[in-house]
């Protein structure tokens, strides 16, 4: 029998961190997994860092022919996955030991119409190779798609997707001007949440890092804000033009402050 989960680690030039991510999968209390590492044409020592793990029977490695961006990397992973669920683990993050065991428990208790499971996470600052816990991020239940559209905190993690649902919505969108390199996480969830249920688990299931390699400059903020507005407008129109977005900014990023009900004129 195939395992329940494929943990997908997309990576690009994260040689300093990727072993921690891999070890966190190997150390799971549940052994019901495969691990797929997709290397987006790294130019550092990523390959050499993971070579000793590539002989494990449940670990697969694939290198993209050229740097393609996270959206295309995840679509490649989706084409290779043969398990019912896909868990995305960024290569500079790691999973607590019981993450997969907890996810499996909730999967068994949930309806088949649930396409995404997620929990809470710890944020760690990394400096000179030392990890210092910064904050705990507690997510929330989304009772409808509009609540998620407005959500402007840290993106939900871990993201455990039902593979069949990912195929049904066409995977990750790479049709934008940045070819899926930005906001791939929010946009795939928006594709899913308009058709399927999502399930929040009120437990710490993910460890996320903050480090110098993630610094965002003004150019990247401009790109993100451009794509945020395009995305917000697209889904409000797609969902029937029932609401108008009132925008604002938080830490330099465009957010929806509130949604204003659109009054229909009587004929």
C-alpha atoms as a PDB file:
ATOM      1  CA  UNK A   1       0.000   0.000   0.000  1.00  0.00           C
ATOM      2  CA  UNK A   2       1.083   3.529  -0.721  1.00  0.00           C
ATOM      3  CA  UNK A   3       1.628   5.834   2.270  1.00  0.00           C
ATOM      4  CA  UNK A   4      -0.957   8.495   3.109  1.00  0.00           C
ATOM      5  CA  UNK A   5       1.366  11.474   2.681  1.00  0.00           C
ATOM      6  CA  UNK A   6       3.967  12.768   0.318  1.00  0.00           C
ATOM      7  CA  UNK A   7       5.908  15.530   2.018  1.00  0.00           C
ATOM      8  CA  UNK A   8       7.139  17.848  -0.735  1.00  0.00           C
ATOM      9  CA  UNK A   9      10.175  20.017  -0.055  1.00  0.00           C
ATOM     10  CA  UNK A  10      10.599  22.631  -2.811  1.00  0.00           C
ATOM     11  CA  UNK A  11      14.058  24.156  -2.546  1.00  0.00           C
ATOM     12  CA  UNK A  12      16.287  26.746  -4.138  1.00  0.00           C
ATOM     13  CA  UNK A  13      19.675  27.608  -2.638  1.00  0.00           C
ATOM     14  CA  UNK A  14      18.832  26.506   0.893  1.00  0.00           C
ATOM     15  CA  UNK A  15      21.872  24.300   1.504  1.00  0.00           C
ATOM     16  CA  UNK A  16      22.265  25.760   5.002  1.00  0.00           C
ATOM     17  CA  UNK A  17      18.786  24.682   6.081  1.00  0.00           C
ATOM     18  CA  UNK A  18      17.572  21.705   4.072  1.00  0.00           C
ATOM     19  CA  UNK A  19      19.013  18.949   6.263  1.00  0.00           C
ATOM     20  CA  UNK A  20      16.928  20.172   9.206  1.00  0.00           C
ATOM     21  CA  UNK A  21      13.812  19.956   7.044  1.00  0.00           C
ATOM     22  CA  UNK A  22      14.654  16.422   5.874  1.00  0.00           C
ATOM     23  CA  UNK A  23      15.479  15.204   9.386  1.00  0.00           C
ATOM     24  CA  UNK A  24      12.154  16.484  10.662  1.00  0.00           C
ATOM     25  CA  UNK A  25      10.397  14.147   8.208  1.00  0.00           C
ATOM     26  CA  UNK A  26      12.620  11.198   9.105  1.00  0.00           C
ATOM     27  CA  UNK A  27      11.845  11.819  12.787  1.00  0.00           C
ATOM     28  CA  UNK A  28       8.057  11.740  12.414  1.00  0.00           C
ATOM     29  CA  UNK A  29       6.299   9.415  14.856  1.00  0.00           C
ATOM     30  CA  UNK A  30       4.118   8.323  11.939  1.00  0.00           C
ATOM     31  CA  UNK A  31       6.107   6.532   9.227  1.00  0.00           C
ATOM     32  CA  UNK A  32       3.234   6.758   6.767  1.00  0.00           C
ATOM     33  CA  UNK A  33       5.056   9.012   4.316  1.00  0.00           C
ATOM     34  CA  UNK A  34       7.138   9.525   1.218  1.00  0.00           C
ATOM     35  CA  UNK A  35       9.448  12.498   0.786  1.00  0.00           C
ATOM     36  CA  UNK A  36       9.871  14.300  -2.531  1.00  0.00           C
ATOM     37  CA  UNK A  37      12.556  16.975  -2.820  1.00  0.00           C
ATOM     38  CA  UNK A  38      12.217  19.243  -5.852  1.00  0.00           C
ATOM     39  CA  UNK A  39      15.345  21.303  -6.489  1.00  0.00           C
ATOM     40  CA  UNK A  40      14.594  24.422  -8.546  1.00  0.00           C
ATOM     41  CA  UNK A  41      18.043  24.404 -10.211  1.00  0.00           C
ATOM     42  CA  UNK A  42      19.994  25.476  -7.118  1.00  0.00           C
ATOM     43  CA  UNK A  43      23.448  26.957  -7.639  1.00  0.00           C
ATOM     44  CA  UNK A  44      24.743  26.290  -4.114  1.00  0.00           C
ATOM     45  CA  UNK A  45      25.630  22.980  -2.376  1.00  0.00           C
ATOM     46  CA  UNK A  46      22.054  21.787  -2.002  1.00  0.00           C
ATOM     47  CA  UNK A  47      22.652  18.541  -3.927  1.00  0.00           C
ATOM     48  CA  UNK A  48      25.698  17.576  -1.872  1.00  0.00           C
ATOM     49  CA  UNK A  49      23.851  18.320   1.381  1.00  0.00           C
ATOM     50  CA  UNK A  50      21.101  15.835   0.607  1.00  0.00           C
ATOM     51  CA  UNK A  51      23.009  13.088  -1.181  1.00  0.00           C
ATOM     52  CA  UNK A  52      23.291  10.862   1.886  1.00  0.00           C
ATOM     53  CA  UNK A  53      19.488  10.793   2.205  1.00  0.00           C
ATOM     54  CA  UNK A  54      18.806   9.882  -1.422  1.00  0.00           C
ATOM     55  CA  UNK A  55      19.374   6.179  -0.745  1.00  0.00           C
ATOM     56  CA  UNK A  56      16.381   6.015   1.612  1.00  0.00           C
ATOM     57  CA  UNK A  57      13.644   3.947  -0.113  1.00  0.00           C
ATOM     58  CA  UNK A  58      10.963   6.558   0.587  1.00  0.00           C
ATOM     59  CA  UNK A  59      12.961   9.634  -0.468  1.00  0.00           C
ATOM     60  CA  UNK A  60      12.935  10.907  -4.046  1.00  0.00           C
ATOM     61  CA  UNK A  61      14.902  13.778  -5.566  1.00  0.00           C
ATOM     62  CA  UNK A  62      14.154  15.701  -8.748  1.00  0.00           C
ATOM     63  CA  UNK A  63      16.083  18.653 -10.168  1.00  0.00           C
ATOM     64  CA  UNK A  64      14.329  21.118 -12.472  1.00  0.00           C
ATOM     65  CA  UNK A  65      16.125  21.780 -15.757  1.00  0.00           C
ATOM     66  CA  UNK A  66      16.049  25.526 -15.107  1.00  0.00           C
ATOM     67  CA  UNK A  67      14.906  27.812 -12.314  1.00  0.00           C
ATOM     68  CA  UNK A  68      11.137  27.958 -12.735  1.00  0.00           C
ATOM     69  CA  UNK A  69       9.633  29.377  -9.538  1.00  0.00           C
ATOM     70  CA  UNK A  70       7.594  27.859  -6.746  1.00  0.00           C
ATOM     71  CA  UNK A  71       4.317  27.521  -8.673  1.00  0.00           C
ATOM     72  CA  UNK A  72       5.830  25.429 -11.450  1.00  0.00           C
ATOM     73  CA  UNK A  73       7.874  23.453  -8.924  1.00  0.00           C
ATOM     74  CA  UNK A  74       4.713  22.526  -7.015  1.00  0.00           C
ATOM     75  CA  UNK A  75       2.930  21.557 -10.228  1.00  0.00           C
ATOM     76  CA  UNK A  76       5.845  19.290 -11.078  1.00  0.00           C
ATOM     77  CA  UNK A  77       5.572  17.758  -7.610  1.00  0.00           C
ATOM     78  CA  UNK A  78       1.831  17.266  -8.095  1.00  0.00           C
ATOM     79  CA  UNK A  79       2.487  15.361 -11.327  1.00  0.00           C
ATOM     80  CA  UNK A  80       4.820  12.988  -9.443  1.00  0.00           C
ATOM     81  CA  UNK A  81       2.788  12.404  -6.266  1.00  0.00           C
ATOM     82  CA  UNK A  82       0.883   9.112  -5.984  1.00  0.00           C
ATOM     83  CA  UNK A  83      -0.393   9.405  -2.404  1.00  0.00           C
ATOM     84  CA  UNK A  84      -3.791  10.786  -1.291  1.00  0.00           C
ATOM     85  CA  UNK A  85      -2.286  13.791   0.523  1.00  0.00           C
ATOM     86  CA  UNK A  86       0.534  16.250  -0.140  1.00  0.00           C
ATOM     87  CA  UNK A  87       2.192  18.213   2.670  1.00  0.00           C
ATOM     88  CA  UNK A  88       4.288  21.210   1.618  1.00  0.00           C
ATOM     89  CA  UNK A  89       7.386  21.794   3.746  1.00  0.00           C
ATOM     90  CA  UNK A  90       9.571  24.748   2.809  1.00  0.00           C
ATOM     91  CA  UNK A  91      13.250  23.832   2.816  1.00  0.00           C
ATOM     92  CA  UNK A  92      14.198  26.311   5.553  1.00  0.00           C
ATOM     93  CA  UNK A  93      11.397  25.138   7.892  1.00  0.00           C
ATOM     94  CA  UNK A  94      10.739  21.911   9.790  1.00  0.00           C
ATOM     95  CA  UNK A  95       7.926  19.788  11.214  1.00  0.00           C
ATOM     96  CA  UNK A  96       7.322  18.875  14.869  1.00  0.00           C
ATOM     97  CA  UNK A  97       7.567  15.109  15.417  1.00  0.00           C
ATOM     98  CA  UNK A  98       3.826  14.451  15.598  1.00  0.00           C
ATOM     99  CA  UNK A  99       2.663  16.587  12.682  1.00  0.00           C
ATOM    100  CA  UNK A 100       1.829  13.732  10.325  1.00  0.00           C
ATOM    101  CA  UNK A 101       0.256  11.650  13.104  1.00  0.00           C
ATOM    102  CA  UNK A 102      -2.038  14.540  14.044  1.00  0.00           C
ATOM    103  CA  UNK A 103      -2.916  15.274  10.410  1.00  0.00           C
ATOM    104  CA  UNK A 104      -3.782  11.615   9.832  1.00  0.00           C
ATOM    105  CA  UNK A 105      -6.065  11.591  12.874  1.00  0.00           C
ATOM    106  CA  UNK A 106      -7.999  14.605  11.615  1.00  0.00           C
ATOM    107  CA  UNK A 107      -8.149  13.295   8.061  1.00  0.00           C
ATOM    108  CA  UNK A 108      -9.888  10.161   9.325  1.00  0.00           C
ATOM    109  CA  UNK A 109     -12.413  12.295  11.238  1.00  0.00           C
ATOM    110  CA  UNK A 110     -13.149  14.718   8.370  1.00  0.00           C
ATOM    111  CA  UNK A 111     -15.363  14.602   5.343  1.00  0.00           C
ATOM    112  CA  UNK A 112     -13.899  13.693   1.983  1.00  0.00           C
ATOM    113  CA  UNK A 113     -14.908  17.142   0.758  1.00  0.00           C
ATOM    114  CA  UNK A 114     -12.120  18.645   2.924  1.00  0.00           C
ATOM    115  CA  UNK A 115      -9.272  19.720   0.642  1.00  0.00           C
ATOM    116  CA  UNK A 116      -6.869  21.389   3.084  1.00  0.00           C
ATOM    117  CA  UNK A 117      -5.732  20.806   6.667  1.00  0.00           C
ATOM    118  CA  UNK A 118      -3.628  23.362   8.551  1.00  0.00           C
ATOM    119  CA  UNK A 119      -2.649  24.205  12.129  1.00  0.00           C
ATOM    120  CA  UNK A 120      -0.640  26.668  14.207  1.00  0.00           C
ATOM    121  CA  UNK A 121       3.086  27.357  13.983  1.00  0.00           C
ATOM    122  CA  UNK A 122       6.093  28.709  15.804  1.00  0.00           C
ATOM    123  CA  UNK A 123       8.249  31.377  14.164  1.00  0.00           C
ATOM    124  CA  UNK A 124      12.009  31.111  14.777  1.00  0.00           C
ATOM    125  CA  UNK A 125      14.636  33.754  14.115  1.00  0.00           C
ATOM    126  CA  UNK A 126      17.898  32.360  12.751  1.00  0.00           C
ATOM    127  CA  UNK A 127      21.145  34.229  13.251  1.00  0.00           C
ATOM    128  CA  UNK A 128      24.631  32.756  12.866  1.00  0.00           C
ATOM    129  CA  UNK A 129      23.127  29.270  12.813  1.00  0.00           C
ATOM    130  CA  UNK A 130      21.288  29.704  16.125  1.00  0.00           C
ATOM    131  CA  UNK A 131      17.515  29.381  16.382  1.00  0.00           C
ATOM    132  CA  UNK A 132      15.568  31.641  18.750  1.00  0.00           C
ATOM    133  CA  UNK A 133      11.817  31.266  19.129  1.00  0.00           C
ATOM    134  CA  UNK A 134      10.143  34.531  18.186  1.00  0.00           C
ATOM    135  CA  UNK A 135       6.361  34.158  18.298  1.00  0.00           C
ATOM    136  CA  UNK A 136       3.586  31.596  18.185  1.00  0.00           C
ATOM    137  CA  UNK A 137       1.104  32.091  15.351  1.00  0.00           C
ATOM    138  CA  UNK A 138      -2.392  30.818  16.014  1.00  0.00           C
ATOM    139  CA  UNK A 139      -4.498  30.592  12.899  1.00  0.00           C
ATOM    140  CA  UNK A 140      -8.295  30.377  12.747  1.00  0.00           C
ATOM    141  CA  UNK A 141     -11.224  28.575  11.202  1.00  0.00           C
ATOM    142  CA  UNK A 142     -12.485  30.090   7.976  1.00  0.00           C
ATOM    143  CA  UNK A 143     -16.257  29.789   7.826  1.00  0.00           C
ATOM    144  CA  UNK A 144     -16.436  31.063   4.270  1.00  0.00           C
ATOM    145  CA  UNK A 145     -14.212  32.012   1.362  1.00  0.00           C
ATOM    146  CA  UNK A 146     -14.510  35.754   2.017  1.00  0.00           C
ATOM    147  CA  UNK A 147     -12.939  35.364   5.455  1.00  0.00           C
ATOM    148  CA  UNK A 148      -9.902  33.770   3.859  1.00  0.00           C
ATOM    149  CA  UNK A 149      -9.740  36.394   1.099  1.00  0.00           C
ATOM    150  CA  UNK A 150      -9.409  39.086   3.802  1.00  0.00           C
ATOM    151  CA  UNK A 151      -6.934  37.127   5.944  1.00  0.00           C
ATOM    152  CA  UNK A 152      -3.716  39.147   6.194  1.00  0.00           C
ATOM    153  CA  UNK A 153      -1.637  37.377   8.854  1.00  0.00           C
ATOM    154  CA  UNK A 154       1.089  34.771   8.271  1.00  0.00           C
ATOM    155  CA  UNK A 155      -0.029  32.294   5.642  1.00  0.00           C
ATOM    156  CA  UNK A 156      -1.497  29.112   7.105  1.00  0.00           C
ATOM    157  CA  UNK A 157       0.916  26.232   7.748  1.00  0.00           C
ATOM    158  CA  UNK A 158       1.407  23.381   7.450  1.00  0.00           C
ATOM    159  CA  UNK A 159      -0.564  23.007   4.256  1.00  0.00           C
ATOM    160  CA  UNK A 160      -1.750  19.446   3.873  1.00  0.00           C
ATOM    161  CA  UNK A 161      -3.639  19.155   0.580  1.00  0.00           C
ATOM    162  CA  UNK A 162      -5.917  16.404  -0.701  1.00  0.00           C
ATOM    163  CA  UNK A 163      -4.258  15.508  -3.997  1.00  0.00           C
ATOM    164  CA  UNK A 164      -7.489  14.755  -5.842  1.00  0.00           C
ATOM    165  CA  UNK A 165      -8.777  18.260  -5.051  1.00  0.00           C
ATOM    166  CA  UNK A 166      -5.531  19.825  -6.305  1.00  0.00           C
ATOM    167  CA  UNK A 167      -5.986  18.028  -9.614  1.00  0.00           C
ATOM    168  CA  UNK A 168      -9.640  19.090  -9.803  1.00  0.00           C
ATOM    169  CA  UNK A 169      -8.783  22.806  -9.555  1.00  0.00           C
ATOM    170  CA  UNK A 170      -5.873  22.536 -11.994  1.00  0.00           C
ATOM    171  CA  UNK A 171      -3.007  22.830  -9.522  1.00  0.00           C
ATOM    172  CA  UNK A 172      -1.063  26.017  -8.934  1.00  0.00           C
ATOM    173  CA  UNK A 173      -1.752  29.027 -11.155  1.00  0.00           C
ATOM    174  CA  UNK A 174       1.286  30.092 -13.194  1.00  0.00           C
ATOM    175  CA  UNK A 175      -0.550  32.239 -15.747  1.00  0.00           C
ATOM    176  CA  UNK A 176       0.254  35.595 -14.093  1.00  0.00           C
ATOM    177  CA  UNK A 177       3.083  37.891 -15.239  1.00  0.00           C
ATOM    178  CA  UNK A 178       5.392  36.398 -12.571  1.00  0.00           C
ATOM    179  CA  UNK A 179       4.603  32.812 -13.631  1.00  0.00           C
ATOM    180  CA  UNK A 180       3.566  31.601 -10.194  1.00  0.00           C
ATOM    181  CA  UNK A 181       6.650  32.801  -8.339  1.00  0.00           C
ATOM    182  CA  UNK A 182       4.670  34.982  -5.905  1.00  0.00           C
ATOM    183  CA  UNK A 183       1.692  34.257  -3.612  1.00  0.00           C
ATOM    184  CA  UNK A 184       1.417  30.648  -4.757  1.00  0.00           C
ATOM    185  CA  UNK A 185       0.198  29.631  -1.297  1.00  0.00           C
ATOM    186  CA  UNK A 186      -2.688  32.097  -1.026  1.00  0.00           C
ATOM    187  CA  UNK A 187      -3.763  31.579  -4.615  1.00  0.00           C
ATOM    188  CA  UNK A 188      -3.940  27.784  -4.494  1.00  0.00           C
ATOM    189  CA  UNK A 189      -6.030  27.984  -1.321  1.00  0.00           C
ATOM    190  CA  UNK A 190      -8.397  30.451  -2.997  1.00  0.00           C
ATOM    191  CA  UNK A 191      -8.817  27.947  -5.826  1.00  0.00           C
ATOM    192  CA  UNK A 192      -9.654  25.229  -3.322  1.00  0.00           C
ATOM    193  CA  UNK A 193     -11.791  27.126  -0.821  1.00  0.00           C
ATOM    194  CA  UNK A 194     -14.400  28.132  -3.367  1.00  0.00           C
ATOM    195  CA  UNK A 195     -15.199  24.430  -3.959  1.00  0.00           C
ATOM    196  CA  UNK A 196     -14.093  22.513  -0.877  1.00  0.00           C
ATOM    197  CA  UNK A 197     -13.953  22.599   2.909  1.00  0.00           C
ATOM    198  CA  UNK A 198     -10.777  23.466   4.799  1.00  0.00           C
ATOM    199  CA  UNK A 199     -10.008  22.225   8.321  1.00  0.00           C
ATOM    200  CA  UNK A 200      -8.181  24.107  11.065  1.00  0.00           C
ATOM    201  CA  UNK A 201      -6.350  22.088  13.753  1.00  0.00           C
ATOM    202  CA  UNK A 202      -5.644  24.027  16.926  1.00  0.00           C
ATOM    203  CA  UNK A 203      -2.190  22.537  17.546  1.00  0.00           C
ATOM    204  CA  UNK A 204       1.406  23.530  16.747  1.00  0.00           C
ATOM    205  CA  UNK A 205       2.162  21.572  13.576  1.00  0.00           C
ATOM    206  CA  UNK A 206       4.866  23.648  11.875  1.00  0.00           C
ATOM    207  CA  UNK A 207       8.088  25.546  12.574  1.00  0.00           C
ATOM    208  CA  UNK A 208       8.860  28.482  10.296  1.00  0.00           C
ATOM    209  CA  UNK A 209      12.108  30.440  10.129  1.00  0.00           C
ATOM    210  CA  UNK A 210      12.947  34.072   9.553  1.00  0.00           C
ATOM    211  CA  UNK A 211      16.457  34.783   8.232  1.00  0.00           C
ATOM    212  CA  UNK A 212      18.435  37.168   6.064  1.00  0.00           C
ATOM    213  CA  UNK A 213      17.874  35.141   2.911  1.00  0.00           C
ATOM    214  CA  UNK A 214      14.172  36.037   3.016  1.00  0.00           C
ATOM    215  CA  UNK A 215      14.561  39.816   3.011  1.00  0.00           C
ATOM    216  CA  UNK A 216      12.027  41.586   0.784  1.00  0.00           C
ATOM    217  CA  UNK A 217      13.031  44.745  -1.070  1.00  0.00           C
ATOM    218  CA  UNK A 218      10.765  47.514  -2.374  1.00  0.00           C
ATOM    219  CA  UNK A 219      10.684  45.964  -5.847  1.00  0.00           C
ATOM    220  CA  UNK A 220       9.341  42.684  -4.483  1.00  0.00           C
ATOM    221  CA  UNK A 221       6.763  44.519  -2.357  1.00  0.00           C
ATOM    222  CA  UNK A 222       5.562  46.313  -5.481  1.00  0.00           C
ATOM    223  CA  UNK A 223       5.184  42.980  -7.283  1.00  0.00           C
ATOM    224  CA  UNK A 224       3.338  41.405  -4.383  1.00  0.00           C
ATOM    225  CA  UNK A 225       0.975  44.358  -4.032  1.00  0.00           C
ATOM    226  CA  UNK A 226       0.285  44.352  -7.763  1.00  0.00           C
ATOM    227  CA  UNK A 227      -0.576  40.663  -7.684  1.00  0.00           C
ATOM    228  CA  UNK A 228      -2.555  40.984  -4.446  1.00  0.00           C
ATOM    229  CA  UNK A 229      -4.847  43.579  -5.986  1.00  0.00           C
ATOM    230  CA  UNK A 230      -5.262  41.550  -9.170  1.00  0.00           C
ATOM    231  CA  UNK A 231      -6.098  38.476  -7.092  1.00  0.00           C
ATOM    232  CA  UNK A 232      -8.556  40.263  -4.803  1.00  0.00           C
ATOM    233  CA  UNK A 233     -10.387  41.817  -7.747  1.00  0.00           C
ATOM    234  CA  UNK A 234     -10.439  38.552  -9.688  1.00  0.00           C
ATOM    235  CA  UNK A 235     -12.110  36.568  -6.920  1.00  0.00           C
ATOM    236  CA  UNK A 236     -14.582  39.274  -5.921  1.00  0.00           C
ATOM    237  CA  UNK A 237     -15.704  39.392  -9.557  1.00  0.00           C
ATOM    238  CA  UNK A 238     -15.679  35.617  -9.881  1.00  0.00           C
ATOM    239  CA  UNK A 239     -17.789  35.230  -6.761  1.00  0.00           C
ATOM    240  CA  UNK A 240     -20.600  37.373  -8.083  1.00  0.00           C
ATOM    241  CA  UNK A 241     -19.537  40.989  -7.391  1.00  0.00           C
ATOM    242  CA  UNK A 242     -21.399  40.919  -4.072  1.00  0.00           C
ATOM    243  CA  UNK A 243     -18.754  42.957  -2.249  1.00  0.00           C
ATOM    244  CA  UNK A 244     -16.435  45.863  -2.908  1.00  0.00           C
ATOM    245  CA  UNK A 245     -13.009  45.805  -1.257  1.00  0.00           C
ATOM    246  CA  UNK A 246     -11.927  48.705   0.944  1.00  0.00           C
ATOM    247  CA  UNK A 247      -8.135  48.582   0.783  1.00  0.00           C
ATOM    248  CA  UNK A 248      -5.394  49.639   3.136  1.00  0.00           C
ATOM    249  CA  UNK A 249      -1.781  48.773   3.893  1.00  0.00           C
ATOM    250  CA  UNK A 250      -0.164  46.719   6.642  1.00  0.00           C
ATOM    251  CA  UNK A 251       3.647  46.702   6.914  1.00  0.00           C
ATOM    252  CA  UNK A 252       3.780  48.004   3.349  1.00  0.00           C
ATOM    253  CA  UNK A 253       1.523  45.293   1.913  1.00  0.00           C
ATOM    254  CA  UNK A 254      -1.898  45.830   0.372  1.00  0.00           C
ATOM    255  CA  UNK A 255      -4.703  44.300   2.457  1.00  0.00           C
ATOM    256  CA  UNK A 256      -8.487  44.293   2.429  1.00  0.00           C
ATOM    257  CA  UNK A 257      -9.600  46.337   5.428  1.00  0.00           C
ATOM    258  CA  UNK A 258     -13.212  45.347   4.954  1.00  0.00           C
ATOM    259  CA  UNK A 259     -15.700  44.210   2.370  1.00  0.00           C
ATOM    260  CA  UNK A 260     -18.604  46.524   1.599  1.00  0.00           C
ATOM    261  CA  UNK A 261     -21.833  44.962   0.389  1.00  0.00           C
ATOM    262  CA  UNK A 262     -22.733  46.093  -3.115  1.00  0.00           C
ATOM    263  CA  UNK A 263     -26.306  47.336  -3.368  1.00  0.00           C
ATOM    264  CA  UNK A 264     -28.129  46.253  -6.477  1.00  0.00           C
ATOM    265  CA  UNK A 265     -30.270  48.819  -8.234  1.00  0.00           C
ATOM    266  CA  UNK A 266     -33.879  47.821  -8.685  1.00  0.00           C
ATOM    267  CA  UNK A 267     -35.131  47.928 -12.216  1.00  0.00           C
END
